[in-house]
Amino acid sequence: MHSSAHTPATDRYDHIVVVGVGLIGGSIAKALKAHGLARKITGLGRNRARLLAAKQAGLIDDVAESVSELAPFSLAVVCTPVDRIPQDVRALQSVASSDALITDAGSVKGHLCEVLNSQPTNGAQFIGSHPMAGSEQGGWEHADAQLFQGRMCAITPQGHDEAPIQKIERFWTALGMRTVRFQPQQHDQIVALTSHMPHATASAVASLLTPEAWPLAATGFRDTTRVAGGDAGLWTSILMENREAVAGHLKELTHVLQQFVAALEANDPQATEALLARGQIAREKWIQSTLSPEA
């Protein structure tokens, strides 16, 4: 694992393509505009009306529904659902110059990198990225130029030269992020624990809420289930793409929940407190690590 709190240089781009102008893609475009990092931003997507509305709102400068419509670009960021990213990257590589770079914002990397590396190309290099930022809200209407500020971005290079990796790192740090490098499979195991499994559990908890409980569902319930408000279709593709790792962590969680059940059914306050304390201590250690200068 290699991390970088900041990168001294900042690149300016002549033309950046954002594929998928939703919350993440729109926020990238908005941040690029705010920092003056690109002379031109083109939004590439399947819904021309939505793209034109984003252009009218000032997020992007041009629109395209096909890679064949794109002018030469120096960087493309793919922000489509994870099951579509491989085909979107291949389409971009078919028209890109060899010195262009392509990255993404997807939260699953193992299958993506495996597919792309199994069919090498002489075109633009792809270096995976996962900006750890988002919201349960969707659409470019909720785009936020500050969405990435102070957040972490995982970079998942595989056999790339150092120069293009550092260029992708500089791109994300210019948007306010810190970067850390992981191997794709290692990344997927970690985010299955820290992001994908919690989403599944939040959805499970939210699904238990009945109308008669609504008056007493307050901030604790709202906080615990916040991410369950995310788009079900988008999250289905994420969970399926990382299904083995997520299922493994859900089994671990099930084991811990069974310990809670056993302690409660046995009327054992000591065992119950021990389980609660274990979670409390683990969370406190994590919070402290985020406050350290090296974090």
C-alpha atoms as a PDB file:
ATOM      1  CA  MET A   1       0.000   0.000   0.000  1.00  0.00           C
ATOM      2  CA  HIS A   2       1.350   3.402  -1.006  1.00  0.00           C
ATOM      3  CA  SER A   3      -0.244   6.631   0.134  1.00  0.00           C
ATOM      4  CA  SER A   4       0.161  10.275  -0.715  1.00  0.00           C
ATOM      5  CA  ALA A   5      -1.299  13.109   1.348  1.00  0.00           C
ATOM      6  CA  HIS A   6      -0.524  15.647  -1.377  1.00  0.00           C
ATOM      7  CA  THR A   7       1.227  15.948  -4.700  1.00  0.00           C
ATOM      8  CA  PRO A   8       3.125  19.193  -5.318  1.00  0.00           C
ATOM      9  CA  ALA A   9       2.366  19.659  -9.027  1.00  0.00           C
ATOM     10  CA  THR A  10      -1.025  20.260 -10.606  1.00  0.00           C
ATOM     11  CA  ASP A  11      -1.743  19.427 -14.236  1.00  0.00           C
ATOM     12  CA  ARG A  12      -3.926  21.543 -16.496  1.00  0.00           C
ATOM     13  CA  TYR A  13      -5.827  19.616 -19.162  1.00  0.00           C
ATOM     14  CA  ASP A  14      -6.815  20.791 -22.611  1.00  0.00           C
ATOM     15  CA  HIS A  15      -9.793  18.419 -22.865  1.00  0.00           C
ATOM     16  CA  ILE A  16     -11.307  16.061 -20.280  1.00  0.00           C
ATOM     17  CA  VAL A  17     -14.133  13.658 -21.047  1.00  0.00           C
ATOM     18  CA  VAL A  18     -16.505  12.697 -18.228  1.00  0.00           C
ATOM     19  CA  VAL A  19     -18.424   9.530 -19.075  1.00  0.00           C
ATOM     20  CA  GLY A  20     -21.651   9.406 -17.084  1.00  0.00           C
ATOM     21  CA  VAL A  21     -22.635  12.846 -15.798  1.00  0.00           C
ATOM     22  CA  GLY A  22     -24.463  11.845 -12.629  1.00  0.00           C
ATOM     23  CA  LEU A  23     -23.630  12.739  -9.042  1.00  0.00           C
ATOM     24  CA  ILE A  24     -19.972  11.685  -9.228  1.00  0.00           C
ATOM     25  CA  GLY A  25     -19.350  12.681 -12.834  1.00  0.00           C
ATOM     26  CA  GLY A  26     -21.164  15.959 -12.319  1.00  0.00           C
ATOM     27  CA  SER A  27     -19.202  16.681  -9.141  1.00  0.00           C
ATOM     28  CA  ILE A  28     -15.930  15.973 -10.955  1.00  0.00           C
ATOM     29  CA  ALA A  29     -16.925  18.373 -13.724  1.00  0.00           C
ATOM     30  CA  LYS A  30     -17.999  21.003 -11.208  1.00  0.00           C
ATOM     31  CA  ALA A  31     -14.741  20.659  -9.257  1.00  0.00           C
ATOM     32  CA  LEU A  32     -12.706  20.883 -12.468  1.00  0.00           C
ATOM     33  CA  LYS A  33     -14.524  24.105 -13.308  1.00  0.00           C
ATOM     34  CA  ALA A  34     -14.035  25.487  -9.807  1.00  0.00           C
ATOM     35  CA  HIS A  35     -10.293  24.844  -9.909  1.00  0.00           C
ATOM     36  CA  GLY A  36      -9.796  25.809 -13.549  1.00  0.00           C
ATOM     37  CA  LEU A  37      -8.174  22.471 -14.362  1.00  0.00           C
ATOM     38  CA  ALA A  38      -9.587  21.895 -17.846  1.00  0.00           C
ATOM     39  CA  ARG A  39      -9.989  24.147 -20.860  1.00  0.00           C
ATOM     40  CA  LYS A  40     -12.861  21.986 -22.103  1.00  0.00           C
ATOM     41  CA  ILE A  41     -15.054  19.319 -20.471  1.00  0.00           C
ATOM     42  CA  THR A  42     -17.205  17.023 -22.569  1.00  0.00           C
ATOM     43  CA  GLY A  43     -19.968  14.951 -21.025  1.00  0.00           C
ATOM     44  CA  LEU A  44     -20.460  11.579 -22.707  1.00  0.00           C
ATOM     45  CA  GLY A  45     -23.648   9.647 -22.048  1.00  0.00           C
ATOM     46  CA  ARG A  46     -26.760   8.010 -23.451  1.00  0.00           C
ATOM     47  CA  ASN A  47     -29.334  10.660 -22.530  1.00  0.00           C
ATOM     48  CA  ARG A  48     -28.763  13.721 -24.676  1.00  0.00           C
ATOM     49  CA  ALA A  49     -31.471  15.751 -22.960  1.00  0.00           C
ATOM     50  CA  ARG A  50     -29.841  15.206 -19.567  1.00  0.00           C
ATOM     51  CA  LEU A  51     -26.431  16.092 -20.972  1.00  0.00           C
ATOM     52  CA  LEU A  52     -27.738  19.279 -22.564  1.00  0.00           C
ATOM     53  CA  ALA A  53     -29.333  20.252 -19.255  1.00  0.00           C
ATOM     54  CA  ALA A  54     -25.977  19.729 -17.504  1.00  0.00           C
ATOM     55  CA  LYS A  55     -24.342  21.893 -20.171  1.00  0.00           C
ATOM     56  CA  GLN A  56     -26.980  24.576 -19.671  1.00  0.00           C
ATOM     57  CA  ALA A  57     -26.239  24.458 -15.934  1.00  0.00           C
ATOM     58  CA  GLY A  58     -22.563  25.124 -16.671  1.00  0.00           C
ATOM     59  CA  LEU A  59     -21.126  21.774 -15.568  1.00  0.00           C
ATOM     60  CA  ILE A  60     -19.839  20.757 -19.001  1.00  0.00           C
ATOM     61  CA  ASP A  61     -18.906  22.537 -22.221  1.00  0.00           C
ATOM     62  CA  ASP A  62     -19.920  19.971 -24.808  1.00  0.00           C
ATOM     63  CA  VAL A  63     -21.977  16.779 -25.081  1.00  0.00           C
ATOM     64  CA  ALA A  64     -21.550  13.480 -26.913  1.00  0.00           C
ATOM     65  CA  GLU A  65     -23.600  10.304 -27.131  1.00  0.00           C
ATOM     66  CA  SER A  66     -20.869   8.242 -28.808  1.00  0.00           C
ATOM     67  CA  VAL A  67     -17.081   8.100 -28.641  1.00  0.00           C
ATOM     68  CA  SER A  68     -17.084   8.815 -32.388  1.00  0.00           C
ATOM     69  CA  GLU A  69     -18.272  12.349 -31.583  1.00  0.00           C
ATOM     70  CA  LEU A  70     -15.352  13.102 -29.266  1.00  0.00           C
ATOM     71  CA  ALA A  71     -12.582  15.518 -30.104  1.00  0.00           C
ATOM     72  CA  PRO A  72      -9.065  14.387 -29.071  1.00  0.00           C
ATOM     73  CA  PHE A  73      -8.816  14.259 -25.283  1.00  0.00           C
ATOM     74  CA  SER A  74      -5.995  14.004 -22.772  1.00  0.00           C
ATOM     75  CA  LEU A  75      -7.963  12.399 -19.930  1.00  0.00           C
ATOM     76  CA  ALA A  76     -11.253  10.545 -19.607  1.00  0.00           C
ATOM     77  CA  VAL A  77     -12.982   9.664 -16.330  1.00  0.00           C
ATOM     78  CA  VAL A  78     -15.555   6.865 -16.534  1.00  0.00           C
ATOM     79  CA  CYS A  79     -18.342   7.326 -13.968  1.00  0.00           C
ATOM     80  CA  THR A  80     -20.834   4.744 -15.208  1.00  0.00           C
ATOM     81  CA  PRO A  81     -22.173   1.716 -13.250  1.00  0.00           C
ATOM     82  CA  VAL A  82     -19.443  -0.833 -12.520  1.00  0.00           C
ATOM     83  CA  ASP A  83     -20.802  -3.478 -14.887  1.00  0.00           C
ATOM     84  CA  ARG A  84     -20.548  -1.023 -17.791  1.00  0.00           C
ATOM     85  CA  ILE A  85     -17.075   0.344 -17.105  1.00  0.00           C
ATOM     86  CA  PRO A  86     -15.072  -2.274 -19.097  1.00  0.00           C
ATOM     87  CA  GLN A  87     -17.018  -1.648 -22.310  1.00  0.00           C
ATOM     88  CA  ASP A  88     -16.875   2.111 -21.790  1.00  0.00           C
ATOM     89  CA  VAL A  89     -13.096   2.011 -21.313  1.00  0.00           C
ATOM     90  CA  ARG A  90     -12.658  -0.135 -24.436  1.00  0.00           C
ATOM     91  CA  ALA A  91     -14.799   2.264 -26.452  1.00  0.00           C
ATOM     92  CA  LEU A  92     -12.673   5.211 -25.313  1.00  0.00           C
ATOM     93  CA  GLN A  93      -9.452   3.355 -26.083  1.00  0.00           C
ATOM     94  CA  SER A  94     -10.677   2.739 -29.625  1.00  0.00           C
ATOM     95  CA  VAL A  95     -10.591   6.472 -30.381  1.00  0.00           C
ATOM     96  CA  ALA A  96      -8.011   7.827 -27.919  1.00  0.00           C
ATOM     97  CA  SER A  97      -4.439   8.737 -28.713  1.00  0.00           C
ATOM     98  CA  SER A  98      -1.737   6.570 -27.158  1.00  0.00           C
ATOM     99  CA  ASP A  99      -0.666   9.360 -24.797  1.00  0.00           C
ATOM    100  CA  ALA A 100      -4.161   9.871 -23.352  1.00  0.00           C
ATOM    101  CA  LEU A 101      -5.098   8.469 -19.949  1.00  0.00           C
ATOM    102  CA  ILE A 102      -8.335   6.850 -18.824  1.00  0.00           C
ATOM    103  CA  THR A 103      -9.441   6.330 -15.245  1.00  0.00           C
ATOM    104  CA  ASP A 104     -12.738   5.562 -13.547  1.00  0.00           C
ATOM    105  CA  ALA A 105     -14.704   6.147 -10.360  1.00  0.00           C
ATOM    106  CA  GLY A 106     -16.036   2.629  -9.822  1.00  0.00           C
ATOM    107  CA  SER A 107     -16.036   0.909  -6.448  1.00  0.00           C
ATOM    108  CA  VAL A 108     -15.073  -2.591  -7.686  1.00  0.00           C
ATOM    109  CA  LYS A 109     -11.709  -3.175  -9.329  1.00  0.00           C
ATOM    110  CA  GLY A 110     -10.778  -6.878  -9.471  1.00  0.00           C
ATOM    111  CA  HIS A 111     -12.965  -7.987 -12.376  1.00  0.00           C
ATOM    112  CA  LEU A 112     -12.499  -4.684 -14.189  1.00  0.00           C
ATOM    113  CA  CYS A 113      -8.697  -4.863 -14.157  1.00  0.00           C
ATOM    114  CA  GLU A 114      -8.771  -8.572 -15.006  1.00  0.00           C
ATOM    115  CA  VAL A 115     -10.934  -7.965 -18.076  1.00  0.00           C
ATOM    116  CA  LEU A 116      -8.934  -4.987 -19.319  1.00  0.00           C
ATOM    117  CA  ASN A 117      -5.549  -6.620 -18.725  1.00  0.00           C
ATOM    118  CA  SER A 118      -6.613  -9.837 -20.468  1.00  0.00           C
ATOM    119  CA  GLN A 119      -6.951  -7.906 -23.710  1.00  0.00           C
ATOM    120  CA  PRO A 120      -3.991  -5.500 -23.925  1.00  0.00           C
ATOM    121  CA  THR A 121      -4.331  -2.446 -26.121  1.00  0.00           C
ATOM    122  CA  ASN A 122      -1.838  -0.150 -27.781  1.00  0.00           C
ATOM    123  CA  GLY A 123      -4.112   2.789 -27.094  1.00  0.00           C
ATOM    124  CA  ALA A 124      -4.647   4.948 -24.039  1.00  0.00           C
ATOM    125  CA  GLN A 125      -3.641   3.460 -20.694  1.00  0.00           C
ATOM    126  CA  PHE A 126      -6.305   2.695 -18.100  1.00  0.00           C
ATOM    127  CA  ILE A 127      -5.459   3.202 -14.423  1.00  0.00           C
ATOM    128  CA  GLY A 128      -8.245   2.413 -11.975  1.00  0.00           C
ATOM    129  CA  SER A 129      -9.463   4.890  -9.366  1.00  0.00           C
ATOM    130  CA  HIS A 130     -12.074   4.784  -6.630  1.00  0.00           C
ATOM    131  CA  PRO A 131     -12.845   8.173  -5.057  1.00  0.00           C
ATOM    132  CA  MET A 132     -14.292   7.381  -1.632  1.00  0.00           C
ATOM    133  CA  ALA A 133     -16.961  10.053  -1.774  1.00  0.00           C
ATOM    134  CA  GLY A 134     -20.623  10.083  -2.602  1.00  0.00           C
ATOM    135  CA  SER A 135     -24.155  10.553  -1.387  1.00  0.00           C
ATOM    136  CA  GLU A 136     -27.405   8.663  -1.249  1.00  0.00           C
ATOM    137  CA  GLN A 137     -28.676  11.292  -3.677  1.00  0.00           C
ATOM    138  CA  GLY A 138     -28.180  10.861  -7.410  1.00  0.00           C
ATOM    139  CA  GLY A 139     -28.024  12.953 -10.559  1.00  0.00           C
ATOM    140  CA  TRP A 140     -25.905  15.892 -11.645  1.00  0.00           C
ATOM    141  CA  GLU A 141     -28.426  18.232  -9.999  1.00  0.00           C
ATOM    142  CA  HIS A 142     -26.818  17.272  -6.672  1.00  0.00           C
ATOM    143  CA  ALA A 143     -23.260  17.757  -7.956  1.00  0.00           C
ATOM    144  CA  ASP A 144     -20.935  19.336  -5.411  1.00  0.00           C
ATOM    145  CA  ALA A 145     -17.509  20.778  -6.207  1.00  0.00           C
ATOM    146  CA  GLN A 146     -16.487  20.098  -2.588  1.00  0.00           C
ATOM    147  CA  LEU A 147     -17.588  16.451  -2.624  1.00  0.00           C
ATOM    148  CA  PHE A 148     -14.018  15.154  -2.837  1.00  0.00           C
ATOM    149  CA  GLN A 149     -12.412  17.613  -0.430  1.00  0.00           C
ATOM    150  CA  GLY A 150     -10.380  15.805   2.236  1.00  0.00           C
ATOM    151  CA  ARG A 151     -11.577  12.359   1.107  1.00  0.00           C
ATOM    152  CA  MET A 152      -9.508   9.342   0.118  1.00  0.00           C
ATOM    153  CA  CYS A 153      -9.123   8.001  -3.405  1.00  0.00           C
ATOM    154  CA  ALA A 154      -7.854   4.468  -4.008  1.00  0.00           C
ATOM    155  CA  ILE A 155      -5.646   4.004  -7.068  1.00  0.00           C
ATOM    156  CA  THR A 156      -5.289   0.461  -8.433  1.00  0.00           C
ATOM    157  CA  PRO A 157      -2.416   0.382 -10.936  1.00  0.00           C
ATOM    158  CA  GLN A 158      -1.187  -2.885 -12.407  1.00  0.00           C
ATOM    159  CA  GLY A 159       2.175  -2.971 -14.130  1.00  0.00           C
ATOM    160  CA  HIS A 160       2.026   0.675 -15.165  1.00  0.00           C
ATOM    161  CA  ASP A 161       4.942   3.065 -15.363  1.00  0.00           C
ATOM    162  CA  GLU A 162       5.230   5.463 -12.458  1.00  0.00           C
ATOM    163  CA  ALA A 163       4.656   8.636 -14.502  1.00  0.00           C
ATOM    164  CA  PRO A 164       1.030   7.947 -15.565  1.00  0.00           C
ATOM    165  CA  ILE A 165       0.173   6.661 -12.084  1.00  0.00           C
ATOM    166  CA  GLN A 166       1.420   9.891 -10.561  1.00  0.00           C
ATOM    167  CA  LYS A 167      -0.513  11.897 -13.134  1.00  0.00           C
ATOM    168  CA  ILE A 168      -3.757  10.191 -12.088  1.00  0.00           C
ATOM    169  CA  GLU A 169      -2.845  10.816  -8.439  1.00  0.00           C
ATOM    170  CA  ARG A 170      -2.264  14.502  -9.201  1.00  0.00           C
ATOM    171  CA  PHE A 171      -5.663  14.670 -10.875  1.00  0.00           C
ATOM    172  CA  TRP A 172      -7.459  13.517  -7.724  1.00  0.00           C
ATOM    173  CA  THR A 173      -5.328  15.564  -5.335  1.00  0.00           C
ATOM    174  CA  ALA A 174      -6.126  18.643  -7.425  1.00  0.00           C
ATOM    175  CA  LEU A 175      -9.780  17.977  -6.560  1.00  0.00           C
ATOM    176  CA  GLY A 176      -8.873  17.927  -2.858  1.00  0.00           C
ATOM    177  CA  MET A 177      -8.389  14.202  -2.296  1.00  0.00           C
ATOM    178  CA  ARG A 178      -5.651  12.113  -0.733  1.00  0.00           C
ATOM    179  CA  THR A 179      -4.573   9.006  -2.605  1.00  0.00           C
ATOM    180  CA  VAL A 180      -3.595   5.497  -1.614  1.00  0.00           C
ATOM    181  CA  ARG A 181      -2.563   2.609  -3.858  1.00  0.00           C
ATOM    182  CA  PHE A 182      -3.928  -0.917  -3.629  1.00  0.00           C
ATOM    183  CA  GLN A 183      -3.851  -4.048  -5.710  1.00  0.00           C
ATOM    184  CA  PRO A 184      -7.324  -4.515  -7.275  1.00  0.00           C
ATOM    185  CA  GLN A 185      -8.288  -7.666  -5.344  1.00  0.00           C
ATOM    186  CA  GLN A 186      -7.050  -6.201  -2.059  1.00  0.00           C
ATOM    187  CA  HIS A 187      -9.096  -3.081  -2.727  1.00  0.00           C
ATOM    188  CA  ASP A 188     -12.237  -5.133  -3.336  1.00  0.00           C
ATOM    189  CA  GLN A 189     -11.858  -7.094  -0.104  1.00  0.00           C
ATOM    190  CA  ILE A 190     -11.482  -3.895   1.899  1.00  0.00           C
ATOM    191  CA  VAL A 191     -14.380  -1.966   0.349  1.00  0.00           C
ATOM    192  CA  ALA A 192     -16.581  -5.046   0.718  1.00  0.00           C
ATOM    193  CA  LEU A 193     -16.087  -4.585   4.472  1.00  0.00           C
ATOM    194  CA  THR A 194     -16.131  -0.788   4.673  1.00  0.00           C
ATOM    195  CA  SER A 195     -18.735   0.107   2.051  1.00  0.00           C
ATOM    196  CA  HIS A 196     -20.547  -2.726   0.289  1.00  0.00           C
ATOM    197  CA  MET A 197     -21.475  -4.880   3.291  1.00  0.00           C
ATOM    198  CA  PRO A 198     -22.642  -1.832   5.311  1.00  0.00           C
ATOM    199  CA  HIS A 199     -24.907  -0.870   2.422  1.00  0.00           C
ATOM    200  CA  ALA A 200     -26.485  -4.318   2.398  1.00  0.00           C
ATOM    201  CA  THR A 201     -26.953  -4.256   6.175  1.00  0.00           C
ATOM    202  CA  ALA A 202     -28.409  -0.732   6.108  1.00  0.00           C
ATOM    203  CA  SER A 203     -30.899  -1.905   3.500  1.00  0.00           C
ATOM    204  CA  ALA A 204     -31.770  -4.933   5.625  1.00  0.00           C
ATOM    205  CA  VAL A 205     -32.357  -2.802   8.724  1.00  0.00           C
ATOM    206  CA  ALA A 206     -34.428  -0.258   6.769  1.00  0.00           C
ATOM    207  CA  SER A 207     -36.588  -3.035   5.325  1.00  0.00           C
ATOM    208  CA  LEU A 208     -37.693  -4.035   8.838  1.00  0.00           C
ATOM    209  CA  LEU A 209     -39.243  -0.642   9.586  1.00  0.00           C
ATOM    210  CA  THR A 210     -43.030  -0.766   9.787  1.00  0.00           C
ATOM    211  CA  PRO A 211     -45.399   2.240   9.632  1.00  0.00           C
ATOM    212  CA  GLU A 212     -46.296   1.957  13.304  1.00  0.00           C
ATOM    213  CA  ALA A 213     -42.605   2.419  14.143  1.00  0.00           C
ATOM    214  CA  TRP A 214     -42.194   5.604  12.105  1.00  0.00           C
ATOM    215  CA  PRO A 215     -42.911   8.030  14.990  1.00  0.00           C
ATOM    216  CA  LEU A 216     -40.068   6.543  17.051  1.00  0.00           C
ATOM    217  CA  ALA A 217     -37.523   6.169  14.236  1.00  0.00           C
ATOM    218  CA  ALA A 218     -35.266   9.113  15.021  1.00  0.00           C
ATOM    219  CA  THR A 219     -31.723  10.255  14.238  1.00  0.00           C
ATOM    220  CA  GLY A 220     -30.068   6.970  15.206  1.00  0.00           C
ATOM    221  CA  PHE A 221     -32.204   5.025  12.760  1.00  0.00           C
ATOM    222  CA  ARG A 222     -31.761   7.706  10.111  1.00  0.00           C
ATOM    223  CA  ASP A 223     -27.962   7.636  10.481  1.00  0.00           C
ATOM    224  CA  THR A 224     -27.791   3.841  10.510  1.00  0.00           C
ATOM    225  CA  THR A 225     -29.875   3.500   7.349  1.00  0.00           C
ATOM    226  CA  ARG A 226     -28.755   6.617   5.427  1.00  0.00           C
ATOM    227  CA  VAL A 227     -26.962   4.757   2.645  1.00  0.00           C
ATOM    228  CA  ALA A 228     -29.995   2.525   2.079  1.00  0.00           C
ATOM    229  CA  GLY A 229     -31.447   5.501   0.223  1.00  0.00           C
ATOM    230  CA  GLY A 230     -28.987   4.916  -2.629  1.00  0.00           C
ATOM    231  CA  ASP A 231     -30.207   3.782  -6.037  1.00  0.00           C
ATOM    232  CA  ALA A 232     -31.106   0.081  -5.868  1.00  0.00           C
ATOM    233  CA  GLY A 233     -30.139  -0.610  -9.474  1.00  0.00           C
ATOM    234  CA  LEU A 234     -26.719   0.978  -9.100  1.00  0.00           C
ATOM    235  CA  TRP A 235     -26.033  -0.893  -5.870  1.00  0.00           C
ATOM    236  CA  THR A 236     -27.205  -4.185  -7.326  1.00  0.00           C
ATOM    237  CA  SER A 237     -24.450  -3.944  -9.945  1.00  0.00           C
ATOM    238  CA  ILE A 238     -21.883  -3.096  -7.251  1.00  0.00           C
ATOM    239  CA  LEU A 239     -22.860  -5.961  -4.950  1.00  0.00           C
ATOM    240  CA  MET A 240     -23.004  -8.475  -7.792  1.00  0.00           C
ATOM    241  CA  GLU A 241     -19.642  -7.354  -9.157  1.00  0.00           C
ATOM    242  CA  ASN A 242     -18.038  -7.861  -5.720  1.00  0.00           C
ATOM    243  CA  ARG A 243     -20.355 -10.653  -4.585  1.00  0.00           C
ATOM    244  CA  GLU A 244     -17.778 -13.123  -3.241  1.00  0.00           C
ATOM    245  CA  ALA A 245     -16.085 -10.610  -0.949  1.00  0.00           C
ATOM    246  CA  VAL A 246     -19.389  -9.094   0.194  1.00  0.00           C
ATOM    247  CA  ALA A 247     -20.930 -12.500   0.901  1.00  0.00           C
ATOM    248  CA  GLY A 248     -17.858 -13.454   2.928  1.00  0.00           C
ATOM    249  CA  HIS A 249     -18.108 -10.371   5.126  1.00  0.00           C
ATOM    250  CA  LEU A 250     -21.867 -10.817   5.515  1.00  0.00           C
ATOM    251  CA  LYS A 251     -21.174 -14.316   6.862  1.00  0.00           C
ATOM    252  CA  GLU A 252     -18.721 -12.811   9.372  1.00  0.00           C
ATOM    253  CA  LEU A 253     -21.344 -10.263  10.394  1.00  0.00           C
ATOM    254  CA  THR A 254     -23.953 -13.002  10.739  1.00  0.00           C
ATOM    255  CA  HIS A 255     -21.626 -14.811  13.145  1.00  0.00           C
ATOM    256  CA  VAL A 256     -21.278 -11.680  15.295  1.00  0.00           C
ATOM    257  CA  LEU A 257     -25.047 -11.113  15.251  1.00  0.00           C
ATOM    258  CA  GLN A 258     -25.555 -14.702  16.346  1.00  0.00           C
ATOM    259  CA  GLN A 259     -23.286 -13.970  19.321  1.00  0.00           C
ATOM    260  CA  PHE A 260     -25.550 -11.058  20.235  1.00  0.00           C
ATOM    261  CA  VAL A 261     -28.608 -13.301  19.932  1.00  0.00           C
ATOM    262  CA  ALA A 262     -27.003 -15.957  22.131  1.00  0.00           C
ATOM    263  CA  ALA A 263     -25.979 -13.420  24.791  1.00  0.00           C
ATOM    264  CA  LEU A 264     -29.449 -11.867  24.913  1.00  0.00           C
ATOM    265  CA  GLU A 265     -31.305 -15.159  24.973  1.00  0.00           C
ATOM    266  CA  ALA A 266     -29.014 -16.336  27.775  1.00  0.00           C
ATOM    267  CA  ASN A 267     -29.745 -13.134  29.731  1.00  0.00           C
ATOM    268  CA  ASP A 268     -25.973 -12.548  29.865  1.00  0.00           C
ATOM    269  CA  PRO A 269     -25.180  -8.838  30.396  1.00  0.00           C
ATOM    270  CA  GLN A 270     -21.421  -9.477  30.597  1.00  0.00           C
ATOM    271  CA  ALA A 271     -21.298 -11.118  27.156  1.00  0.00           C
ATOM    272  CA  THR A 272     -23.561  -8.426  25.714  1.00  0.00           C
ATOM    273  CA  GLU A 273     -21.387  -5.628  27.083  1.00  0.00           C
ATOM    274  CA  ALA A 274     -18.241  -7.346  25.800  1.00  0.00           C
ATOM    275  CA  LEU A 275     -19.674  -7.451  22.291  1.00  0.00           C
ATOM    276  CA  LEU A 276     -20.715  -3.802  22.452  1.00  0.00           C
ATOM    277  CA  ALA A 277     -17.339  -2.780  23.880  1.00  0.00           C
ATOM    278  CA  ARG A 278     -15.521  -4.614  21.104  1.00  0.00           C
ATOM    279  CA  GLY A 279     -17.350  -2.537  18.514  1.00  0.00           C
ATOM    280  CA  GLN A 280     -16.918   0.665  20.494  1.00  0.00           C
ATOM    281  CA  ILE A 281     -13.155   0.161  20.829  1.00  0.00           C
ATOM    282  CA  ALA A 282     -12.692  -0.793  17.171  1.00  0.00           C
ATOM    283  CA  ARG A 283     -14.576   2.295  16.046  1.00  0.00           C
ATOM    284  CA  GLU A 284     -12.624   4.562  18.381  1.00  0.00           C
ATOM    285  CA  LYS A 285      -9.319   3.222  17.029  1.00  0.00           C
ATOM    286  CA  TRP A 286     -10.488   3.948  13.496  1.00  0.00           C
ATOM    287  CA  ILE A 287     -11.592   7.494  14.419  1.00  0.00           C
ATOM    288  CA  GLN A 288      -8.243   8.164  16.084  1.00  0.00           C
ATOM    289  CA  SER A 289      -6.383   6.931  13.004  1.00  0.00           C
ATOM    290  CA  THR A 290      -8.219   9.471  10.851  1.00  0.00           C
ATOM    291  CA  LEU A 291      -7.079  12.263  13.173  1.00  0.00           C
ATOM    292  CA  SER A 292      -3.382  11.370  13.008  1.00  0.00           C
ATOM    293  CA  PRO A 293      -1.136  13.529  10.770  1.00  0.00           C
ATOM    294  CA  GLU A 294      -0.143  10.469   8.716  1.00  0.00           C
ATOM    295  CA  ALA A 295      -3.742   9.444   7.982  1.00  0.00           C
END
